[in-house]
Amino acid sequence: MAMGRMDISDLKRLRDKLARNCSAEQIDKFCESCAKRIAGQLLRDVVKRTPIKSGKLESSWKAGTIKKDGTTYTITVENNALSDNGVPYAIYVEFGHRTRSGGWVEGRKMLTITEEEIKEKMPTVLDRMVADFLRRCMQ
């Protein structure tokens, strides 16, 4: 089988131009802004999906700080609502729980469903953000 030849000089010029125009600090800030955008959208959507009884569960959604590990950026989204007896209860609303009479209350899956939707929507949003970032770097 014959192997073809390819001229990658344009790719090398692009790589060099990006290296000159975009610092590692700018790239880190951009990645952090992407992570914040995803977390912000997730928070907005999960709050809308959270059942409202007293409003405590809905108002207890929070995003933590961004953590970077190598090339991975992480933000933890959590709900710290406590029941009247001090027990965290978001997990029971999310996944379901037994009742005192032996029955079962189905989970609402407000975070699970929201995460799945975000995974579907975010590639399009991130594509636009990356294109805008590269456009600014190429100026």
N, C-alpha and C. Protein backbone atom coordinates (compact mmCIF):
# COMPACT_ATOMS: atom_id res chain seq x y z
N MET A 1 0.84 -1.17 0.00
CA MET A 1 0.00 0.00 0.00
C MET A 1 0.89 1.24 0.00
N ALA A 2 0.62 2.16 -0.88
CA ALA A 2 1.43 3.37 -0.99
C ALA A 2 0.96 4.41 0.02
N MET A 3 1.89 5.11 0.61
CA MET A 3 1.59 6.18 1.56
C MET A 3 1.70 7.51 0.83
N GLY A 4 0.77 8.43 1.11
CA GLY A 4 0.79 9.73 0.48
C GLY A 4 1.63 10.71 1.27
N ARG A 5 1.90 11.83 0.65
CA ARG A 5 2.65 12.90 1.31
C ARG A 5 1.67 14.02 1.60
N MET A 6 1.98 14.76 2.65
CA MET A 6 1.10 15.84 3.03
C MET A 6 1.94 17.03 3.47
N ASP A 7 1.54 18.22 3.02
CA ASP A 7 2.23 19.44 3.42
C ASP A 7 1.52 20.01 4.64
N ILE A 8 2.20 20.02 5.78
CA ILE A 8 1.58 20.54 7.00
C ILE A 8 2.16 21.89 7.40
N SER A 9 2.79 22.56 6.48
CA SER A 9 3.42 23.84 6.81
C SER A 9 2.39 24.88 7.28
N ASP A 10 1.17 24.85 6.71
CA ASP A 10 0.13 25.79 7.17
C ASP A 10 -0.27 25.50 8.62
N LEU A 11 -0.34 24.23 8.97
CA LEU A 11 -0.66 23.88 10.35
C LEU A 11 0.44 24.34 11.31
N LYS A 12 1.68 24.23 10.89
CA LYS A 12 2.79 24.69 11.72
C LYS A 12 2.72 26.21 11.90
N ARG A 13 2.39 26.93 10.82
CA ARG A 13 2.25 28.39 10.94
C ARG A 13 1.11 28.76 11.88
N LEU A 14 -0.01 28.03 11.79
CA LEU A 14 -1.13 28.27 12.68
C LEU A 14 -0.71 28.02 14.13
N ARG A 15 -0.04 26.91 14.37
CA ARG A 15 0.44 26.59 15.72
C ARG A 15 1.34 27.69 16.25
N ASP A 16 2.26 28.18 15.42
CA ASP A 16 3.19 29.22 15.85
C ASP A 16 2.46 30.54 16.13
N LYS A 17 1.48 30.87 15.29
CA LYS A 17 0.73 32.11 15.50
C LYS A 17 -0.08 32.04 16.80
N LEU A 18 -0.69 30.89 17.05
CA LEU A 18 -1.43 30.74 18.30
C LEU A 18 -0.50 30.84 19.51
N ALA A 19 0.67 30.25 19.41
CA ALA A 19 1.64 30.30 20.51
C ALA A 19 2.09 31.74 20.78
N ARG A 20 2.23 32.54 19.72
CA ARG A 20 2.63 33.95 19.88
C ARG A 20 1.50 34.79 20.46
N ASN A 21 0.27 34.52 20.03
CA ASN A 21 -0.85 35.40 20.37
C ASN A 21 -1.65 35.00 21.60
N CYS A 22 -1.52 33.77 22.05
CA CYS A 22 -2.30 33.30 23.20
C CYS A 22 -1.38 32.70 24.25
N SER A 23 -1.31 33.36 25.38
CA SER A 23 -0.46 32.86 26.46
C SER A 23 -1.15 31.71 27.18
N ALA A 24 -0.36 30.98 27.92
CA ALA A 24 -0.92 29.88 28.73
C ALA A 24 -1.93 30.44 29.73
N GLU A 25 -1.68 31.63 30.25
CA GLU A 25 -2.60 32.26 31.19
C GLU A 25 -3.94 32.56 30.52
N GLN A 26 -3.91 33.04 29.28
CA GLN A 26 -5.15 33.32 28.54
C GLN A 26 -5.93 32.02 28.29
N ILE A 27 -5.21 30.98 27.95
CA ILE A 27 -5.86 29.69 27.69
C ILE A 27 -6.49 29.17 28.98
N ASP A 28 -5.78 29.28 30.12
CA ASP A 28 -6.34 28.86 31.40
C ASP A 28 -7.60 29.66 31.74
N LYS A 29 -7.56 30.97 31.54
CA LYS A 29 -8.74 31.80 31.81
C LYS A 29 -9.91 31.40 30.92
N PHE A 30 -9.61 31.11 29.67
CA PHE A 30 -10.65 30.67 28.74
C PHE A 30 -11.27 29.35 29.21
N CYS A 31 -10.43 28.39 29.59
CA CYS A 31 -10.94 27.10 30.06
C CYS A 31 -11.77 27.26 31.33
N GLU A 32 -11.34 28.15 32.22
CA GLU A 32 -12.12 28.42 33.42
C GLU A 32 -13.47 29.03 33.06
N SER A 33 -13.49 29.93 32.08
CA SER A 33 -14.76 30.54 31.68
C SER A 33 -15.70 29.49 31.07
N CYS A 34 -15.14 28.53 30.35
CA CYS A 34 -15.96 27.43 29.82
C CYS A 34 -16.55 26.61 30.95
N ALA A 35 -15.72 26.28 31.95
CA ALA A 35 -16.21 25.50 33.09
C ALA A 35 -17.30 26.27 33.84
N LYS A 36 -17.10 27.57 34.01
CA LYS A 36 -18.11 28.39 34.71
C LYS A 36 -19.41 28.44 33.90
N ARG A 37 -19.28 28.51 32.60
CA ARG A 37 -20.47 28.56 31.74
C ARG A 37 -21.28 27.27 31.88
N ILE A 38 -20.60 26.14 31.87
CA ILE A 38 -21.27 24.85 32.01
C ILE A 38 -21.93 24.75 33.38
N ALA A 39 -21.18 25.10 34.44
CA ALA A 39 -21.74 25.03 35.79
C ALA A 39 -22.92 25.98 35.96
N GLY A 40 -22.82 27.17 35.41
CA GLY A 40 -23.91 28.14 35.50
C GLY A 40 -25.17 27.64 34.82
N GLN A 41 -25.00 27.07 33.64
CA GLN A 41 -26.16 26.52 32.92
C GLN A 41 -26.77 25.35 33.69
N LEU A 42 -25.90 24.50 34.22
CA LEU A 42 -26.37 23.36 35.00
C LEU A 42 -27.16 23.84 36.22
N LEU A 43 -26.65 24.85 36.93
CA LEU A 43 -27.36 25.37 38.10
C LEU A 43 -28.72 25.95 37.71
N ARG A 44 -28.75 26.75 36.66
CA ARG A 44 -30.03 27.34 36.23
C ARG A 44 -31.06 26.25 35.92
N ASP A 45 -30.61 25.24 35.18
CA ASP A 45 -31.53 24.19 34.75
C ASP A 45 -31.97 23.28 35.90
N VAL A 46 -31.05 22.94 36.81
CA VAL A 46 -31.42 22.04 37.91
C VAL A 46 -32.35 22.75 38.89
N VAL A 47 -32.16 24.05 39.08
CA VAL A 47 -33.06 24.80 39.96
C VAL A 47 -34.47 24.80 39.39
N LYS A 48 -34.59 24.97 38.07
CA LYS A 48 -35.91 24.95 37.43
C LYS A 48 -36.59 23.59 37.59
N ARG A 49 -35.80 22.53 37.61
CA ARG A 49 -36.34 21.18 37.66
C ARG A 49 -36.59 20.71 39.11
N THR A 50 -36.05 21.42 40.09
CA THR A 50 -36.17 21.01 41.49
C THR A 50 -37.58 21.24 41.99
N PRO A 51 -38.19 20.20 42.60
CA PRO A 51 -39.55 20.37 43.14
C PRO A 51 -39.54 21.39 44.28
N ILE A 52 -40.61 22.17 44.35
CA ILE A 52 -40.69 23.22 45.37
C ILE A 52 -41.76 22.85 46.38
N LYS A 53 -41.34 22.67 47.60
CA LYS A 53 -42.29 22.45 48.69
C LYS A 53 -42.15 23.65 49.64
N SER A 54 -40.94 23.81 50.20
CA SER A 54 -40.68 24.95 51.07
C SER A 54 -39.77 25.96 50.38
N GLY A 55 -39.11 25.55 49.30
CA GLY A 55 -38.14 26.40 48.63
C GLY A 55 -36.72 26.19 49.12
N LYS A 56 -36.57 25.43 50.21
CA LYS A 56 -35.25 25.19 50.80
C LYS A 56 -34.36 24.39 49.85
N LEU A 57 -34.92 23.33 49.27
CA LEU A 57 -34.14 22.48 48.36
C LEU A 57 -33.72 23.26 47.13
N GLU A 58 -34.65 24.00 46.57
CA GLU A 58 -34.39 24.77 45.36
C GLU A 58 -33.31 25.83 45.59
N SER A 59 -33.33 26.48 46.74
CA SER A 59 -32.38 27.57 47.00
C SER A 59 -31.03 27.09 47.52
N SER A 60 -30.88 25.78 47.70
CA SER A 60 -29.64 25.26 48.28
C SER A 60 -28.64 24.75 47.25
N TRP A 61 -28.93 24.90 45.96
CA TRP A 61 -27.97 24.49 44.93
C TRP A 61 -26.83 25.50 44.88
N LYS A 62 -25.59 25.01 44.86
CA LYS A 62 -24.40 25.86 44.83
C LYS A 62 -23.34 25.23 43.94
N ALA A 63 -22.53 26.09 43.33
CA ALA A 63 -21.36 25.62 42.58
C ALA A 63 -20.12 25.97 43.39
N GLY A 64 -19.20 25.06 43.47
CA GLY A 64 -17.96 25.30 44.20
C GLY A 64 -16.97 26.08 43.36
N THR A 65 -15.74 26.11 43.81
CA THR A 65 -14.68 26.80 43.07
C THR A 65 -14.09 25.87 42.02
N ILE A 66 -13.47 26.46 41.04
CA ILE A 66 -12.85 25.68 39.96
C ILE A 66 -11.55 25.07 40.47
N LYS A 67 -11.38 23.79 40.18
CA LYS A 67 -10.13 23.11 40.50
C LYS A 67 -9.53 22.61 39.20
N LYS A 68 -8.23 22.83 39.06
CA LYS A 68 -7.53 22.38 37.86
C LYS A 68 -6.56 21.27 38.25
N ASP A 69 -6.62 20.17 37.51
CA ASP A 69 -5.71 19.05 37.71
C ASP A 69 -5.19 18.66 36.34
N GLY A 70 -3.99 19.09 36.01
CA GLY A 70 -3.44 18.87 34.67
C GLY A 70 -4.23 19.69 33.67
N THR A 71 -4.89 19.01 32.75
CA THR A 71 -5.70 19.71 31.75
C THR A 71 -7.20 19.58 32.03
N THR A 72 -7.54 19.12 33.25
CA THR A 72 -8.94 18.93 33.62
C THR A 72 -9.37 20.02 34.59
N TYR A 73 -10.49 20.66 34.28
CA TYR A 73 -11.08 21.69 35.13
C TYR A 73 -12.36 21.11 35.73
N THR A 74 -12.51 21.24 37.05
CA THR A 74 -13.65 20.65 37.74
C THR A 74 -14.33 21.69 38.61
N ILE A 75 -15.66 21.71 38.54
CA ILE A 75 -16.47 22.49 39.46
C ILE A 75 -17.51 21.54 40.03
N THR A 76 -17.62 21.51 41.34
CA THR A 76 -18.60 20.65 41.98
C THR A 76 -19.90 21.42 42.17
N VAL A 77 -20.99 20.83 41.75
CA VAL A 77 -22.32 21.40 41.96
C VAL A 77 -22.98 20.52 43.01
N GLU A 78 -23.49 21.17 44.08
CA GLU A 78 -24.05 20.38 45.18
C GLU A 78 -25.27 21.07 45.77
N ASN A 79 -25.98 20.29 46.54
CA ASN A 79 -27.14 20.81 47.25
C ASN A 79 -26.97 20.42 48.71
N ASN A 80 -26.91 21.41 49.58
CA ASN A 80 -26.65 21.14 50.99
C ASN A 80 -27.89 21.35 51.87
N ALA A 81 -29.08 21.22 51.30
CA ALA A 81 -30.32 21.40 52.07
C ALA A 81 -30.42 20.31 53.13
N LEU A 82 -30.83 20.73 54.32
CA LEU A 82 -31.00 19.80 55.43
C LEU A 82 -32.47 19.73 55.82
N SER A 83 -32.90 18.54 56.19
CA SER A 83 -34.27 18.38 56.68
C SER A 83 -34.37 19.01 58.07
N ASP A 84 -35.55 19.04 58.63
CA ASP A 84 -35.75 19.64 59.95
C ASP A 84 -34.94 18.93 61.04
N ASN A 85 -34.61 17.66 60.83
CA ASN A 85 -33.79 16.94 61.82
C ASN A 85 -32.31 16.90 61.44
N GLY A 86 -31.91 17.78 60.50
CA GLY A 86 -30.49 17.93 60.18
C GLY A 86 -29.91 16.93 59.21
N VAL A 87 -30.73 16.21 58.49
CA VAL A 87 -30.25 15.21 57.53
C VAL A 87 -30.28 15.80 56.12
N PRO A 88 -29.17 15.67 55.38
CA PRO A 88 -29.19 16.12 53.99
C PRO A 88 -30.27 15.32 53.23
N TYR A 89 -31.12 16.01 52.47
CA TYR A 89 -32.21 15.27 51.84
C TYR A 89 -32.27 15.37 50.33
N ALA A 90 -31.41 16.12 49.69
CA ALA A 90 -31.43 16.22 48.22
C ALA A 90 -31.24 14.85 47.58
N ILE A 91 -30.40 14.03 48.17
CA ILE A 91 -30.13 12.71 47.60
C ILE A 91 -31.39 11.84 47.59
N TYR A 92 -32.25 12.01 48.60
CA TYR A 92 -33.49 11.22 48.66
C TYR A 92 -34.50 11.70 47.63
N VAL A 93 -34.53 13.00 47.41
CA VAL A 93 -35.42 13.54 46.38
C VAL A 93 -34.90 13.13 45.00
N GLU A 94 -33.59 13.14 44.83
CA GLU A 94 -32.98 12.78 43.54
C GLU A 94 -33.20 11.31 43.18
N PHE A 95 -32.93 10.41 44.12
CA PHE A 95 -32.91 8.98 43.80
C PHE A 95 -34.08 8.18 44.37
N GLY A 96 -34.88 8.79 45.21
CA GLY A 96 -36.02 8.09 45.79
C GLY A 96 -35.72 7.61 47.20
N HIS A 97 -36.79 7.20 47.90
CA HIS A 97 -36.61 6.75 49.28
C HIS A 97 -37.82 5.92 49.72
N ARG A 98 -37.59 5.15 50.78
CA ARG A 98 -38.67 4.38 51.39
C ARG A 98 -39.52 5.31 52.24
N THR A 99 -40.74 4.91 52.45
CA THR A 99 -41.62 5.64 53.37
C THR A 99 -41.72 4.85 54.67
N ARG A 100 -42.21 5.47 55.70
CA ARG A 100 -42.35 4.80 57.00
C ARG A 100 -43.30 3.60 56.92
N SER A 101 -44.26 3.69 56.00
CA SER A 101 -45.22 2.58 55.87
C SER A 101 -44.72 1.46 54.97
N GLY A 102 -43.49 1.57 54.51
CA GLY A 102 -42.91 0.51 53.68
C GLY A 102 -43.05 0.74 52.18
N GLY A 103 -43.63 1.85 51.79
CA GLY A 103 -43.77 2.16 50.37
C GLY A 103 -42.49 2.77 49.80
N TRP A 104 -42.57 3.23 48.58
CA TRP A 104 -41.42 3.81 47.89
C TRP A 104 -41.84 5.09 47.17
N VAL A 105 -41.05 6.13 47.34
CA VAL A 105 -41.25 7.38 46.61
C VAL A 105 -40.18 7.44 45.53
N GLU A 106 -40.59 7.51 44.27
CA GLU A 106 -39.64 7.57 43.15
C GLU A 106 -38.81 8.85 43.22
N GLY A 107 -37.57 8.74 42.80
CA GLY A 107 -36.70 9.91 42.75
C GLY A 107 -37.11 10.83 41.62
N ARG A 108 -36.82 12.11 41.77
CA ARG A 108 -37.19 13.11 40.76
C ARG A 108 -36.11 13.27 39.69
N LYS A 109 -34.90 12.81 39.99
CA LYS A 109 -33.79 12.82 39.02
C LYS A 109 -33.52 14.23 38.45
N MET A 110 -33.72 15.26 39.28
CA MET A 110 -33.55 16.62 38.78
C MET A 110 -32.11 16.89 38.34
N LEU A 111 -31.13 16.38 39.07
CA LEU A 111 -29.74 16.59 38.68
C LEU A 111 -29.32 15.63 37.58
N THR A 112 -29.73 14.39 37.68
CA THR A 112 -29.37 13.38 36.67
C THR A 112 -29.85 13.79 35.28
N ILE A 113 -31.10 14.19 35.18
CA ILE A 113 -31.66 14.59 33.88
C ILE A 113 -30.99 15.86 33.38
N THR A 114 -30.75 16.80 34.28
CA THR A 114 -30.10 18.06 33.89
C THR A 114 -28.69 17.79 33.36
N GLU A 115 -27.94 16.93 34.03
CA GLU A 115 -26.59 16.59 33.56
C GLU A 115 -26.64 15.99 32.15
N GLU A 116 -27.59 15.11 31.90
CA GLU A 116 -27.71 14.50 30.57
C GLU A 116 -28.03 15.57 29.52
N GLU A 117 -28.92 16.49 29.85
CA GLU A 117 -29.25 17.56 28.90
C GLU A 117 -28.05 18.47 28.64
N ILE A 118 -27.30 18.78 29.68
CA ILE A 118 -26.12 19.64 29.53
C ILE A 118 -25.10 18.95 28.63
N LYS A 119 -24.91 17.66 28.80
CA LYS A 119 -23.96 16.92 27.97
C LYS A 119 -24.34 16.99 26.50
N GLU A 120 -25.63 17.07 26.22
CA GLU A 120 -26.10 17.17 24.83
C GLU A 120 -25.95 18.59 24.29
N LYS A 121 -26.25 19.60 25.12
CA LYS A 121 -26.25 21.00 24.67
C LYS A 121 -24.87 21.64 24.60
N MET A 122 -24.01 21.29 25.51
CA MET A 122 -22.76 22.03 25.68
C MET A 122 -21.78 21.94 24.51
N PRO A 123 -21.70 20.84 23.77
CA PRO A 123 -20.76 20.85 22.66
C PRO A 123 -21.01 22.01 21.68
N THR A 124 -22.25 22.32 21.41
CA THR A 124 -22.57 23.42 20.50
C THR A 124 -22.14 24.76 21.11
N VAL A 125 -22.44 24.94 22.39
CA VAL A 125 -22.06 26.19 23.08
C VAL A 125 -20.54 26.31 23.14
N LEU A 126 -19.86 25.23 23.49
CA LEU A 126 -18.40 25.27 23.59
C LEU A 126 -17.75 25.47 22.23
N ASP A 127 -18.33 24.89 21.19
CA ASP A 127 -17.79 25.12 19.83
C ASP A 127 -17.77 26.61 19.51
N ARG A 128 -18.87 27.30 19.84
CA ARG A 128 -18.92 28.75 19.60
C ARG A 128 -17.90 29.49 20.44
N MET A 129 -17.77 29.10 21.70
CA MET A 129 -16.81 29.76 22.58
C MET A 129 -15.38 29.56 22.09
N VAL A 130 -15.07 28.34 21.66
CA VAL A 130 -13.72 28.05 21.14
C VAL A 130 -13.46 28.84 19.86
N ALA A 131 -14.44 28.89 18.97
CA ALA A 131 -14.28 29.64 17.71
C ALA A 131 -14.03 31.11 18.00
N ASP A 132 -14.79 31.69 18.94
CA ASP A 132 -14.58 33.10 19.30
C ASP A 132 -13.20 33.31 19.91
N PHE A 133 -12.78 32.40 20.79
CA PHE A 133 -11.47 32.51 21.42
C PHE A 133 -10.35 32.44 20.38
N LEU A 134 -10.46 31.49 19.45
CA LEU A 134 -9.42 31.35 18.41
C LEU A 134 -9.41 32.57 17.51
N ARG A 135 -10.59 33.09 17.21
CA ARG A 135 -10.67 34.30 16.37
C ARG A 135 -9.94 35.46 17.06
N ARG A 136 -10.15 35.61 18.36
CA ARG A 136 -9.44 36.68 19.09
C ARG A 136 -7.94 36.43 19.11
N CYS A 137 -7.54 35.18 19.25
CA CYS A 137 -6.11 34.86 19.26
C CYS A 137 -5.45 35.10 17.91
N MET A 138 -6.21 34.99 16.85
CA MET A 138 -5.63 35.13 15.52
C MET A 138 -5.54 36.57 15.06
N GLN A 139 -6.10 37.51 15.82
CA GLN A 139 -6.06 38.92 15.41
C GLN A 139 -4.70 39.51 15.65
